[in-house]
C-alpha atoms as a PDB file:
ATOM      1  CA  MET A   1     -26.227 -50.937  20.071  1.00  0.00           C
ATOM      2  CA  THR A   2     -28.720 -50.326  17.653  1.00  0.00           C
ATOM      3  CA  SER A   3     -28.855 -46.599  18.093  1.00  0.00           C
ATOM      4  CA  THR A   4     -25.265 -46.078  16.705  1.00  0.00           C
ATOM      5  CA  ARG A   5     -26.321 -47.972  13.153  1.00  0.00           C
ATOM      6  CA  PRO A   6     -28.346 -44.975  11.891  1.00  0.00           C
ATOM      7  CA  SER A   7     -25.557 -42.278  12.759  1.00  0.00           C
ATOM      8  CA  ALA A   8     -23.296 -44.603  10.983  1.00  0.00           C
ATOM      9  CA  ALA A   9     -25.359 -44.968   8.016  1.00  0.00           C
ATOM     10  CA  LEU A  10     -26.289 -41.460   7.752  1.00  0.00           C
ATOM     11  CA  GLN A  11     -22.423 -40.728   8.099  1.00  0.00           C
ATOM     12  CA  ALA A  12     -21.251 -43.234   5.611  1.00  0.00           C
ATOM     13  CA  PRO A  13     -22.718 -41.298   2.324  1.00  0.00           C
ATOM     14  CA  ALA A  14     -21.227 -37.939   3.523  1.00  0.00           C
ATOM     15  CA  ASP A  15     -17.744 -39.300   3.874  1.00  0.00           C
ATOM     16  CA  THR A  16     -17.990 -41.047   0.792  1.00  0.00           C
ATOM     17  CA  ARG A  17     -19.054 -37.820  -0.969  1.00  0.00           C
ATOM     18  CA  ARG A  18     -16.221 -35.897   0.773  1.00  0.00           C
ATOM     19  CA  ILE A  19     -13.687 -38.527  -0.525  1.00  0.00           C
ATOM     20  CA  GLY A  20     -14.874 -38.656  -3.965  1.00  0.00           C
ATOM     21  CA  ARG A  21     -14.801 -34.531  -4.016  1.00  0.00           C
ATOM     22  CA  ILE A  22     -11.166 -34.954  -2.921  1.00  0.00           C
ATOM     23  CA  ARG A  23     -10.346 -37.320  -5.334  1.00  0.00           C
ATOM     24  CA  SER A  24     -12.096 -35.681  -7.955  1.00  0.00           C
ATOM     25  CA  GLU A  25     -10.172 -32.339  -7.207  1.00  0.00           C
ATOM     26  CA  THR A  26      -6.838 -33.932  -6.978  1.00  0.00           C
ATOM     27  CA  ILE A  27      -7.434 -35.955 -10.270  1.00  0.00           C
ATOM     28  CA  SER A  28      -8.574 -32.551 -12.072  1.00  0.00           C
ATOM     29  CA  THR A  29      -5.495 -30.779 -10.642  1.00  0.00           C
ATOM     30  CA  ALA A  30      -2.966 -33.275 -11.860  1.00  0.00           C
ATOM     31  CA  ALA A  31      -4.804 -33.202 -15.330  1.00  0.00           C
ATOM     32  CA  ILE A  32      -4.110 -29.624 -15.666  1.00  0.00           C
ATOM     33  CA  PHE A  33      -0.366 -30.255 -14.813  1.00  0.00           C
ATOM     34  CA  VAL A  34       0.054 -33.018 -17.067  1.00  0.00           C
ATOM     35  CA  LEU A  35      -1.928 -31.095 -19.974  1.00  0.00           C
ATOM     36  CA  THR A  36       0.409 -28.013 -19.369  1.00  0.00           C
ATOM     37  CA  ILE A  37       3.542 -30.225 -19.407  1.00  0.00           C
ATOM     38  CA  ILE A  38       2.504 -31.880 -22.552  1.00  0.00           C
ATOM     39  CA  LEU A  39       1.739 -28.414 -24.141  1.00  0.00           C
ATOM     40  CA  ILE A  40       5.313 -27.032 -23.148  1.00  0.00           C
ATOM     41  CA  LEU A  41       6.967 -30.180 -24.607  1.00  0.00           C
ATOM     42  CA  ALA A  42       4.741 -29.975 -28.039  1.00  0.00           C
ATOM     43  CA  SER A  43       5.413 -26.274 -28.201  1.00  0.00           C
ATOM     44  CA  ARG A  44       9.247 -27.419 -29.442  1.00  0.00           C
ATOM     45  CA  PHE A  45       7.400 -28.443 -32.773  1.00  0.00           C
ATOM     46  CA  VAL A  46       6.555 -24.692 -32.984  1.00  0.00           C
ATOM     47  CA  SER A  47       9.835 -23.314 -32.353  1.00  0.00           C
ATOM     48  CA  PRO A  48      12.955 -24.957 -30.982  1.00  0.00           C
ATOM     49  CA  ALA A  49      13.527 -22.197 -28.633  1.00  0.00           C
ATOM     50  CA  LEU A  50      10.325 -23.266 -26.873  1.00  0.00           C
ATOM     51  CA  GLY A  51      10.362 -26.275 -24.492  1.00  0.00           C
ATOM     52  CA  SER A  52      13.489 -25.338 -22.791  1.00  0.00           C
ATOM     53  CA  TRP A  53      14.158 -24.406 -19.087  1.00  0.00           C
ATOM     54  CA  ASP A  54      14.631 -20.520 -19.991  1.00  0.00           C
ATOM     55  CA  GLN A  55      11.067 -20.940 -21.539  1.00  0.00           C
ATOM     56  CA  VAL A  56       9.799 -22.506 -18.582  1.00  0.00           C
ATOM     57  CA  ASP A  57      11.409 -19.804 -16.326  1.00  0.00           C
ATOM     58  CA  THR A  58       9.679 -17.219 -18.499  1.00  0.00           C
ATOM     59  CA  ILE A  59       6.447 -18.856 -18.306  1.00  0.00           C
ATOM     60  CA  ILE A  60       6.632 -18.865 -14.565  1.00  0.00           C
ATOM     61  CA  THR A  61       7.613 -15.076 -14.584  1.00  0.00           C
ATOM     62  CA  LEU A  62       4.526 -14.385 -16.526  1.00  0.00           C
ATOM     63  CA  ALA A  63       2.157 -16.745 -14.804  1.00  0.00           C
ATOM     64  CA  SER A  64       3.177 -15.223 -11.310  1.00  0.00           C
ATOM     65  CA  PHE A  65       0.953 -12.439 -11.674  1.00  0.00           C
ATOM     66  CA  LEU A  66      -1.965 -14.425 -12.512  1.00  0.00           C
ATOM     67  CA  ILE A  67      -1.213 -16.754  -9.864  1.00  0.00           C
ATOM     68  CA  VAL A  68      -1.291 -13.972  -7.158  1.00  0.00           C
ATOM     69  CA  VAL A  69      -4.511 -12.657  -8.811  1.00  0.00           C
ATOM     70  CA  ALA A  70      -6.029 -15.874  -9.135  1.00  0.00           C
ATOM     71  CA  PHE A  71      -5.522 -16.811  -5.388  1.00  0.00           C
ATOM     72  CA  GLY A  72      -7.698 -13.540  -4.392  1.00  0.00           C
ATOM     73  CA  GLN A  73     -10.337 -14.203  -7.214  1.00  0.00           C
ATOM     74  CA  GLY A  74     -10.355 -17.678  -5.856  1.00  0.00           C
ATOM     75  CA  LEU A  75     -11.368 -16.886  -2.420  1.00  0.00           C
ATOM     76  CA  VAL A  76     -14.195 -14.690  -3.562  1.00  0.00           C
ATOM     77  CA  ILE A  77     -15.365 -17.096  -6.096  1.00  0.00           C
ATOM     78  CA  LEU A  78     -15.180 -19.833  -3.015  1.00  0.00           C
ATOM     79  CA  VAL A  79     -17.855 -17.913  -0.917  1.00  0.00           C
ATOM     80  CA  GLY A  80     -19.974 -17.565  -3.762  1.00  0.00           C
ATOM     81  CA  GLY A  81     -18.881 -13.979  -4.956  1.00  0.00           C
ATOM     82  CA  LEU A  82     -17.022 -12.796  -8.085  1.00  0.00           C
ATOM     83  CA  ASP A  83     -14.676  -9.914  -8.143  1.00  0.00           C
ATOM     84  CA  LEU A  84     -14.567  -7.638 -11.263  1.00  0.00           C
ATOM     85  CA  SER A  85     -12.655  -4.765  -9.759  1.00  0.00           C
ATOM     86  CA  ILE A  86      -9.420  -6.764  -9.929  1.00  0.00           C
ATOM     87  CA  ALA A  87      -8.373  -5.007 -13.291  1.00  0.00           C
ATOM     88  CA  SER A  88      -8.634  -1.576 -11.739  1.00  0.00           C
ATOM     89  CA  MET A  89      -7.083  -2.946  -8.391  1.00  0.00           C
ATOM     90  CA  ILE A  90      -4.086  -3.995 -10.285  1.00  0.00           C
ATOM     91  CA  THR A  91      -3.621  -0.546 -11.967  1.00  0.00           C
ATOM     92  CA  LEU A  92      -4.180   1.043  -8.701  1.00  0.00           C
ATOM     93  CA  GLY A  93      -1.555  -1.061  -7.205  1.00  0.00           C
ATOM     94  CA  GLY A  94       0.797  -0.047  -9.913  1.00  0.00           C
ATOM     95  CA  VAL A  95       0.165   3.501  -9.894  1.00  0.00           C
ATOM     96  CA  LEU A  96       0.497   4.226  -6.231  1.00  0.00           C
ATOM     97  CA  SER A  97       3.825   2.367  -6.070  1.00  0.00           C
ATOM     98  CA  THR A  98       5.525   4.209  -8.622  1.00  0.00           C
ATOM     99  CA  THR A  99       3.822   7.829  -7.673  1.00  0.00           C
ATOM    100  CA  TRP A 100       4.467   7.345  -4.000  1.00  0.00           C
ATOM    101  CA  ASN A 101       8.025   5.770  -4.607  1.00  0.00           C
ATOM    102  CA  GLY A 102      10.174   7.411  -2.310  1.00  0.00           C
ATOM    103  CA  SER A 103       7.728   9.488  -0.096  1.00  0.00           C
ATOM    104  CA  PHE A 104       7.690   7.303   2.728  1.00  0.00           C
ATOM    105  CA  GLY A 105      11.528   7.160   3.194  1.00  0.00           C
ATOM    106  CA  SER A 106      11.658   3.447   2.913  1.00  0.00           C
ATOM    107  CA  GLU A 107       9.911   0.936   0.295  1.00  0.00           C
ATOM    108  CA  TRP A 108       8.812  -1.142   3.597  1.00  0.00           C
ATOM    109  CA  ALA A 109       6.330   1.291   4.535  1.00  0.00           C
ATOM    110  CA  LEU A 110       5.390   1.951   1.052  1.00  0.00           C
ATOM    111  CA  ILE A 111       4.236  -1.473   0.363  1.00  0.00           C
ATOM    112  CA  PRO A 112       2.262  -2.195   3.272  1.00  0.00           C
ATOM    113  CA  ALA A 113       0.431   1.369   2.727  1.00  0.00           C
ATOM    114  CA  VAL A 114      -0.381   0.325  -0.699  1.00  0.00           C
ATOM    115  CA  LEU A 115      -1.895  -3.132   0.328  1.00  0.00           C
ATOM    116  CA  VAL A 116      -3.987  -1.516   3.160  1.00  0.00           C
ATOM    117  CA  ILE A 117      -5.647   0.769   1.030  1.00  0.00           C
ATOM    118  CA  CYS A 118      -6.309  -1.858  -1.727  1.00  0.00           C
ATOM    119  CA  ALA A 119      -7.460  -4.139   1.136  1.00  0.00           C
ATOM    120  CA  CYS A 120      -9.896  -1.121   2.494  1.00  0.00           C
ATOM    121  CA  ILE A 121     -11.394  -0.869  -1.219  1.00  0.00           C
ATOM    122  CA  GLY A 122     -12.079  -4.509  -1.114  1.00  0.00           C
ATOM    123  CA  ALA A 123     -13.716  -4.509   2.127  1.00  0.00           C
ATOM    124  CA  LEU A 124     -16.139  -1.620   0.649  1.00  0.00           C
ATOM    125  CA  ASN A 125     -17.005  -4.387  -1.994  1.00  0.00           C
ATOM    126  CA  ALA A 126     -18.013  -6.870   0.648  1.00  0.00           C
ATOM    127  CA  VAL A 127     -20.198  -4.245   2.853  1.00  0.00           C
ATOM    128  CA  GLY A 128     -22.017  -3.691  -0.338  1.00  0.00           C
ATOM    129  CA  VAL A 129     -22.620  -7.380  -1.198  1.00  0.00           C
ATOM    130  CA  ILE A 130     -23.320  -8.342   2.662  1.00  0.00           C
ATOM    131  CA  TRP A 131     -25.273  -5.376   3.773  1.00  0.00           C
ATOM    132  CA  LEU A 132     -26.876  -3.574   1.045  1.00  0.00           C
ATOM    133  CA  ASN A 133     -27.494  -6.831  -0.893  1.00  0.00           C
ATOM    134  CA  ILE A 134     -25.902  -5.626  -3.796  1.00  0.00           C
ATOM    135  CA  PRO A 135     -25.010  -8.272  -6.414  1.00  0.00           C
ATOM    136  CA  PRO A 136     -21.083  -9.133  -6.245  1.00  0.00           C
ATOM    137  CA  PHE A 137     -21.369  -8.787 -10.287  1.00  0.00           C
ATOM    138  CA  ILE A 138     -22.719  -5.335 -10.021  1.00  0.00           C
ATOM    139  CA  MET A 139     -20.896  -4.011  -6.765  1.00  0.00           C
ATOM    140  CA  THR A 140     -17.278  -4.903  -7.683  1.00  0.00           C
ATOM    141  CA  MET A 141     -18.026  -3.772 -11.517  1.00  0.00           C
ATOM    142  CA  ALA A 142     -19.048  -0.236 -10.083  1.00  0.00           C
ATOM    143  CA  MET A 143     -15.879  -0.195  -7.812  1.00  0.00           C
ATOM    144  CA  GLY A 144     -13.758  -1.039 -10.596  1.00  0.00           C
ATOM    145  CA  ILE A 145     -15.367   1.942 -12.538  1.00  0.00           C
ATOM    146  CA  ILE A 146     -14.775   4.151  -9.648  1.00  0.00           C
ATOM    147  CA  VAL A 147     -10.978   3.255  -8.924  1.00  0.00           C
ATOM    148  CA  ALA A 148     -10.316   3.276 -12.541  1.00  0.00           C
ATOM    149  CA  SER A 149     -11.680   6.981 -12.783  1.00  0.00           C
ATOM    150  CA  ALA A 150      -9.727   7.757  -9.738  1.00  0.00           C
ATOM    151  CA  ALA A 151      -6.555   6.698 -10.896  1.00  0.00           C
ATOM    152  CA  LEU A 152      -7.225   8.575 -13.893  1.00  0.00           C
ATOM    153  CA  GLY A 153      -7.718  11.849 -12.391  1.00  0.00           C
ATOM    154  CA  TYR A 154      -4.925  11.395  -9.828  1.00  0.00           C
ATOM    155  CA  THR A 155      -2.549  10.932 -12.730  1.00  0.00           C
ATOM    156  CA  SER A 156      -3.875  13.035 -15.009  1.00  0.00           C
ATOM    157  CA  GLY A 157      -3.629  10.417 -17.465  1.00  0.00           C
ATOM    158  CA  THR A 158      -0.087   9.837 -17.384  1.00  0.00           C
ATOM    159  CA  PRO A 159       1.437   7.821 -14.211  1.00  0.00           C
ATOM    160  CA  ARG A 160       4.811   8.896 -13.389  1.00  0.00           C
ATOM    161  CA  GLY A 161       7.678   7.867 -11.196  1.00  0.00           C
ATOM    162  CA  ALA A 162       9.711   4.560 -11.310  1.00  0.00           C
ATOM    163  CA  ALA A 163       9.450   0.905  -9.950  1.00  0.00           C
ATOM    164  CA  PRO A 164      10.332   0.381  -6.221  1.00  0.00           C
ATOM    165  CA  ASP A 165      14.092  -1.324  -6.228  1.00  0.00           C
ATOM    166  CA  ALA A 166      12.276  -4.260  -4.098  1.00  0.00           C
ATOM    167  CA  PHE A 167      10.262  -5.184  -7.140  1.00  0.00           C
ATOM    168  CA  LEU A 168      13.064  -4.596  -9.365  1.00  0.00           C
ATOM    169  CA  ALA A 169      14.924  -7.118  -7.348  1.00  0.00           C
ATOM    170  CA  LEU A 170      11.971  -9.654  -7.105  1.00  0.00           C
ATOM    171  CA  MET A 171      11.154  -9.698 -10.903  1.00  0.00           C
ATOM    172  CA  LYS A 172      14.449  -9.412 -12.411  1.00  0.00           C
ATOM    173  CA  GLY A 173      16.896 -10.699  -9.849  1.00  0.00           C
ATOM    174  CA  SER A 174      18.278 -14.229  -8.992  1.00  0.00           C
ATOM    175  CA  ILE A 175      19.351 -16.212  -5.892  1.00  0.00           C
ATOM    176  CA  GLY A 176      22.172 -18.632  -7.132  1.00  0.00           C
ATOM    177  CA  SER A 177      20.939 -20.108 -10.295  1.00  0.00           C
ATOM    178  CA  LEU A 178      17.254 -19.600  -9.539  1.00  0.00           C
ATOM    179  CA  SER A 179      15.313 -16.646 -10.194  1.00  0.00           C
ATOM    180  CA  ALA A 180      14.011 -14.632  -7.206  1.00  0.00           C
ATOM    181  CA  VAL A 181      10.520 -14.798  -8.788  1.00  0.00           C
ATOM    182  CA  LEU A 182      10.249 -18.478  -8.975  1.00  0.00           C
ATOM    183  CA  ILE A 183      11.324 -18.894  -5.118  1.00  0.00           C
ATOM    184  CA  PHE A 184       8.657 -16.299  -4.762  1.00  0.00           C
ATOM    185  CA  VAL A 185       6.031 -18.110  -6.498  1.00  0.00           C
ATOM    186  CA  LEU A 186       6.792 -21.308  -4.688  1.00  0.00           C
ATOM    187  CA  VAL A 187       6.825 -19.738  -1.167  1.00  0.00           C
ATOM    188  CA  PHE A 188       3.499 -18.020  -2.139  1.00  0.00           C
ATOM    189  CA  VAL A 189       1.578 -21.035  -3.339  1.00  0.00           C
ATOM    190  CA  LEU A 190       2.729 -22.872  -0.269  1.00  0.00           C
ATOM    191  CA  LEU A 191       1.348 -20.073   2.129  1.00  0.00           C
ATOM    192  CA  ALA A 192      -1.641 -19.647   0.023  1.00  0.00           C
ATOM    193  CA  TRP A 193      -2.551 -23.249  -0.169  1.00  0.00           C
ATOM    194  CA  THR A 194      -2.025 -23.549   3.612  1.00  0.00           C
ATOM    195  CA  LEU A 195      -4.423 -20.524   4.364  1.00  0.00           C
ATOM    196  CA  GLN A 196      -7.305 -21.844   1.923  1.00  0.00           C
ATOM    197  CA  SER A 197      -7.052 -25.831   2.806  1.00  0.00           C
ATOM    198  CA  ALA A 198      -5.423 -26.113   6.205  1.00  0.00           C
ATOM    199  CA  THR A 199      -6.421 -23.463   8.219  1.00  0.00           C
ATOM    200  CA  ALA A 200     -10.022 -22.684  10.437  1.00  0.00           C
ATOM    201  CA  PHE A 201     -10.516 -19.773   8.252  1.00  0.00           C
ATOM    202  CA  GLY A 202     -10.260 -21.849   5.031  1.00  0.00           C
ATOM    203  CA  ARG A 203     -12.977 -24.333   6.598  1.00  0.00           C
ATOM    204  CA  ARG A 204     -15.262 -21.383   7.188  1.00  0.00           C
ATOM    205  CA  LEU A 205     -14.709 -20.255   3.603  1.00  0.00           C
ATOM    206  CA  TYR A 206     -15.827 -23.674   2.310  1.00  0.00           C
ATOM    207  CA  ALA A 207     -18.779 -23.877   4.755  1.00  0.00           C
ATOM    208  CA  VAL A 208     -19.994 -20.271   3.953  1.00  0.00           C
ATOM    209  CA  GLY A 209     -19.643 -20.993   0.044  1.00  0.00           C
ATOM    210  CA  ALA A 210     -21.522 -24.424   0.351  1.00  0.00           C
ATOM    211  CA  ASN A 211     -24.607 -23.250   2.212  1.00  0.00           C
ATOM    212  CA  ARG A 212     -24.338 -19.822   4.037  1.00  0.00           C
ATOM    213  CA  GLU A 213     -27.585 -20.279   6.106  1.00  0.00           C
ATOM    214  CA  ALA A 214     -26.193 -23.653   7.347  1.00  0.00           C
ATOM    215  CA  ALA A 215     -22.822 -22.062   8.299  1.00  0.00           C
ATOM    216  CA  ARG A 216     -24.928 -19.227  10.064  1.00  0.00           C
ATOM    217  CA  ILE A 217     -27.123 -21.899  12.225  1.00  0.00           C
ATOM    218  CA  ALA A 218     -23.618 -23.582  12.968  1.00  0.00           C
ATOM    219  CA  GLY A 219     -22.438 -20.493  14.659  1.00  0.00           C
ATOM    220  CA  ILE A 220     -20.178 -19.066  11.986  1.00  0.00           C
ATOM    221  CA  ALA A 221     -20.367 -15.270  11.458  1.00  0.00           C
ATOM    222  CA  THR A 222     -20.674 -15.367   7.621  1.00  0.00           C
ATOM    223  CA  TRP A 223     -19.973 -11.822   7.241  1.00  0.00           C
ATOM    224  CA  ARG A 224     -16.373 -12.167   8.522  1.00  0.00           C
ATOM    225  CA  PRO A 225     -14.872 -14.589   6.161  1.00  0.00           C
ATOM    226  CA  ILE A 226     -16.657 -12.706   2.922  1.00  0.00           C
ATOM    227  CA  MET A 227     -15.230  -9.597   4.155  1.00  0.00           C
ATOM    228  CA  VAL A 228     -11.538 -11.061   4.423  1.00  0.00           C
ATOM    229  CA  ALA A 229     -11.981 -12.599   1.076  1.00  0.00           C
ATOM    230  CA  TYR A 230     -12.930  -9.560  -0.600  1.00  0.00           C
ATOM    231  CA  ALA A 231      -9.906  -7.673   1.095  1.00  0.00           C
ATOM    232  CA  LEU A 232      -7.547 -10.534   0.268  1.00  0.00           C
ATOM    233  CA  SER A 233      -8.671 -10.244  -3.533  1.00  0.00           C
ATOM    234  CA  ALA A 234      -8.100  -6.391  -3.508  1.00  0.00           C
ATOM    235  CA  ALA A 235      -4.761  -6.671  -1.907  1.00  0.00           C
ATOM    236  CA  CYS A 236      -3.351  -9.579  -3.971  1.00  0.00           C
ATOM    237  CA  ALA A 237      -4.506  -7.492  -7.219  1.00  0.00           C
ATOM    238  CA  GLY A 238      -2.570  -4.279  -5.700  1.00  0.00           C
ATOM    239  CA  PHE A 239       0.319  -6.748  -5.096  1.00  0.00           C
ATOM    240  CA  ALA A 240       0.265  -8.152  -8.570  1.00  0.00           C
ATOM    241  CA  GLY A 241       0.298  -4.519  -9.902  1.00  0.00           C
ATOM    242  CA  MET A 242       3.345  -3.704  -8.078  1.00  0.00           C
ATOM    243  CA  MET A 243       5.013  -7.056  -9.391  1.00  0.00           C
ATOM    244  CA  LEU A 244       3.947  -5.861 -12.916  1.00  0.00           C
ATOM    245  CA  VAL A 245       5.660  -2.446 -12.295  1.00  0.00           C
ATOM    246  CA  GLY A 246       8.607  -4.190 -11.270  1.00  0.00           C
ATOM    247  CA  TYR A 247       8.642  -6.323 -14.284  1.00  0.00           C
ATOM    248  CA  ALA A 248       7.895  -3.615 -16.747  1.00  0.00           C
ATOM    249  CA  ASN A 249       9.498  -0.577 -14.883  1.00  0.00           C
ATOM    250  CA  GLY A 250       6.600   1.711 -14.882  1.00  0.00           C
ATOM    251  CA  ALA A 251       2.824   1.747 -14.626  1.00  0.00           C
ATOM    252  CA  THR A 252      -0.040   2.518 -17.218  1.00  0.00           C
ATOM    253  CA  LEU A 253      -3.569   2.883 -16.810  1.00  0.00           C
ATOM    254  CA  ARG A 254      -4.479  -0.280 -18.602  1.00  0.00           C
ATOM    255  CA  MET A 255      -2.028  -2.603 -17.067  1.00  0.00           C
ATOM    256  CA  GLY A 256      -4.737  -4.702 -15.107  1.00  0.00           C
ATOM    257  CA  ASP A 257      -7.234  -4.987 -18.133  1.00  0.00           C
ATOM    258  CA  SER A 258      -5.608  -8.365 -19.522  1.00  0.00           C
ATOM    259  CA  TYR A 259      -6.047 -10.197 -16.022  1.00  0.00           C
ATOM    260  CA  LEU A 260      -9.555  -9.924 -15.337  1.00  0.00           C
ATOM    261  CA  LEU A 261     -10.753 -12.832 -17.488  1.00  0.00           C
ATOM    262  CA  PRO A 262      -7.511 -15.049 -17.035  1.00  0.00           C
ATOM    263  CA  SER A 263      -8.241 -14.724 -13.258  1.00  0.00           C
ATOM    264  CA  ILE A 264     -11.536 -16.327 -13.458  1.00  0.00           C
ATOM    265  CA  ALA A 265     -10.554 -18.554 -16.052  1.00  0.00           C
ATOM    266  CA  SER A 266      -7.870 -20.066 -13.957  1.00  0.00           C
ATOM    267  CA  VAL A 267     -10.149 -20.655 -10.923  1.00  0.00           C
ATOM    268  CA  VAL A 268     -12.827 -22.359 -13.044  1.00  0.00           C
ATOM    269  CA  ILE A 269     -10.247 -24.416 -15.037  1.00  0.00           C
ATOM    270  CA  GLY A 270      -8.677 -25.424 -11.661  1.00  0.00           C
ATOM    271  CA  GLY A 271     -11.839 -27.129 -10.857  1.00  0.00           C
ATOM    272  CA  SER A 272     -13.668 -24.517  -8.774  1.00  0.00           C
ATOM    273  CA  SER A 273     -17.299 -24.242  -8.582  1.00  0.00           C
ATOM    274  CA  ILE A 274     -18.449 -20.708  -9.923  1.00  0.00           C
ATOM    275  CA  LEU A 275     -21.453 -21.240  -7.353  1.00  0.00           C
ATOM    276  CA  GLY A 276     -19.121 -21.613  -4.461  1.00  0.00           C
ATOM    277  CA  GLY A 277     -18.267 -24.118  -1.916  1.00  0.00           C
ATOM    278  CA  ARG A 278     -15.609 -26.144  -4.173  1.00  0.00           C
ATOM    279  CA  GLY A 279     -12.149 -25.469  -5.209  1.00  0.00           C
ATOM    280  CA  SER A 280      -8.329 -25.794  -4.472  1.00  0.00           C
ATOM    281  CA  PHE A 281      -5.642 -23.162  -4.716  1.00  0.00           C
ATOM    282  CA  ALA A 282      -3.457 -25.827  -6.409  1.00  0.00           C
ATOM    283  CA  GLY A 283      -5.833 -26.140  -9.309  1.00  0.00           C
ATOM    284  CA  SER A 284      -5.878 -22.543  -9.948  1.00  0.00           C
ATOM    285  CA  VAL A 285      -2.166 -22.559  -9.819  1.00  0.00           C
ATOM    286  CA  GLY A 286      -2.254 -25.099 -12.682  1.00  0.00           C
ATOM    287  CA  GLY A 287      -4.893 -23.133 -14.546  1.00  0.00           C
ATOM    288  CA  ALA A 288      -2.639 -20.245 -14.474  1.00  0.00           C
ATOM    289  CA  ILE A 289       0.575 -21.717 -15.766  1.00  0.00           C
ATOM    290  CA  LEU A 290      -1.690 -23.545 -18.421  1.00  0.00           C
ATOM    291  CA  LEU A 291      -3.272 -20.079 -19.492  1.00  0.00           C
ATOM    292  CA  THR A 292       0.033 -18.457 -19.637  1.00  0.00           C
ATOM    293  CA  THR A 293       1.780 -21.259 -21.752  1.00  0.00           C
ATOM    294  CA  LEU A 294      -1.188 -21.273 -24.144  1.00  0.00           C
ATOM    295  CA  GLY A 295      -0.632 -17.345 -24.511  1.00  0.00           C
ATOM    296  CA  THR A 296       3.080 -18.185 -25.220  1.00  0.00           C
ATOM    297  CA  VAL A 297       2.692 -20.617 -27.802  1.00  0.00           C
ATOM    298  CA  ILE A 298      -0.331 -18.399 -29.561  1.00  0.00           C
ATOM    299  CA  ALA A 299       2.316 -15.760 -29.580  1.00  0.00           C
ATOM    300  CA  ALA A 300       4.978 -17.915 -31.190  1.00  0.00           C
ATOM    301  CA  LEU A 301       2.537 -19.004 -33.764  1.00  0.00           C
ATOM    302  CA  GLY A 302       2.046 -15.241 -34.629  1.00  0.00           C
ATOM    303  CA  MET A 303      -1.871 -15.217 -33.905  1.00  0.00           C
ATOM    304  CA  GLN A 304      -3.461 -12.243 -32.532  1.00  0.00           C
ATOM    305  CA  GLN A 305      -4.046 -11.600 -28.964  1.00  0.00           C
ATOM    306  CA  GLY A 306      -7.598 -11.745 -29.568  1.00  0.00           C
ATOM    307  CA  TRP A 307      -7.377 -15.284 -30.206  1.00  0.00           C
ATOM    308  CA  ARG A 308      -6.326 -15.958 -26.847  1.00  0.00           C
ATOM    309  CA  THR A 309      -9.490 -14.207 -25.419  1.00  0.00           C
ATOM    310  CA  VAL A 310     -11.502 -16.348 -27.556  1.00  0.00           C
ATOM    311  CA  ILE A 311      -9.543 -19.405 -26.500  1.00  0.00           C
ATOM    312  CA  GLU A 312      -9.959 -18.496 -22.981  1.00  0.00           C
ATOM    313  CA  GLY A 313     -13.623 -18.007 -23.260  1.00  0.00           C
ATOM    314  CA  ALA A 314     -14.156 -21.424 -24.623  1.00  0.00           C
ATOM    315  CA  ILE A 315     -12.171 -22.937 -21.995  1.00  0.00           C
ATOM    316  CA  ILE A 316     -14.220 -21.280 -19.285  1.00  0.00           C
ATOM    317  CA  VAL A 317     -17.565 -22.664 -20.811  1.00  0.00           C
ATOM    318  CA  GLY A 318     -16.363 -26.028 -21.213  1.00  0.00           C
ATOM    319  CA  ALA A 319     -14.891 -26.206 -17.493  1.00  0.00           C
ATOM    320  CA  LEU A 320     -18.460 -24.755 -16.412  1.00  0.00           C
ATOM    321  CA  LEU A 321     -20.335 -27.566 -18.676  1.00  0.00           C
ATOM    322  CA  LEU A 322     -17.636 -30.175 -17.255  1.00  0.00           C
ATOM    323  CA  LEU A 323     -18.221 -29.129 -13.472  1.00  0.00           C
ATOM    324  CA  ARG A 324     -22.103 -29.463 -13.580  1.00  0.00           C
ATOM    325  CA  GLU A 325     -23.248 -32.074 -11.141  1.00  0.00           C
ATOM    326  CA  ASP A 326     -26.204 -33.030 -13.236  1.00  0.00           C
ATOM    327  CA  LEU A 327     -24.122 -33.714 -16.250  1.00  0.00           C
ATOM    328  CA  ILE A 328     -21.535 -35.621 -14.217  1.00  0.00           C
ATOM    329  CA  VAL A 329     -24.515 -37.781 -12.890  1.00  0.00           C
ATOM    330  CA  LYS A 330     -25.940 -38.319 -16.408  1.00  0.00           C
ATOM    331  CA  LEU A 331     -22.369 -39.253 -17.715  1.00  0.00           C
ATOM    332  CA  ARG A 332     -21.979 -41.810 -14.855  1.00  0.00           C
ATOM    333  CA  SER A 333     -25.474 -43.133 -15.325  1.00  0.00           C
ATOM    334  CA  ALA A 334     -24.910 -43.565 -19.065  1.00  0.00           C
ATOM    335  CA  ARG A 335     -21.649 -45.463 -18.328  1.00  0.00           C
END
């Protein structure tokens, strides 16, 4: 009888920490969505056209690109990495989808071909990080430069071709009274959340990000979750590039530049630890919608785009400070 008490005593603090973390992430995610709703309602004071359902639909459409990108970036951050090649991968996805449009005879062959190429490049990022011991910051930044330069040379500076019809229908079509992209976002968020939070693969991501050595001792092949995370990040960025092509009906060589910082900001604002091992995709979705709403309000106020970048940077710093464990402990002690 006495032998069971120590194990129970050891297990109780761990369970308490786990429950506290879940509650903390839930509260953080709920707070982000509440803040977004307040910001949307308050925007009516800026312009009567803001705050309506049409504006909400527009915000979801504009946020859809960032939501897809933030999922991949969140997976990489979850395993303790960082993907700075996202901007170039978005451009690559857009350029290949327009340049190759009609070359495969069917768009349903074009889409997986582009995604496989993007995923392979993401896997190369993982190879450099895992086996060559190159810091993720350096590896992904170098890969981004290589991909951007290759896209420039491939297009001779001017991407050509039209958007695939499938992405035109996705970004500009509707199903009944709802826009097609809204339905896509709902389905994508559900599937992505399930993959990250309710599968064995997701649990391995959290384990590797929390303590890679402990995960290895527990029998997890740590390179596999990291490899898949980087591959999915690149594939998501490439898919977002194809979505942007459907939205703008064309590709440019700088189309992904405005999504690098927001992809990191969405994940951090959503409650993920930049050191890995903690976070939820629901929080990243809230962060993406909040940043998009903020950008819409800034545009309505007539402020320059640079102010949005300044505000996003300030939000990242603030979120990092609020997520610091030692700061939280000090605040609890002071209270």
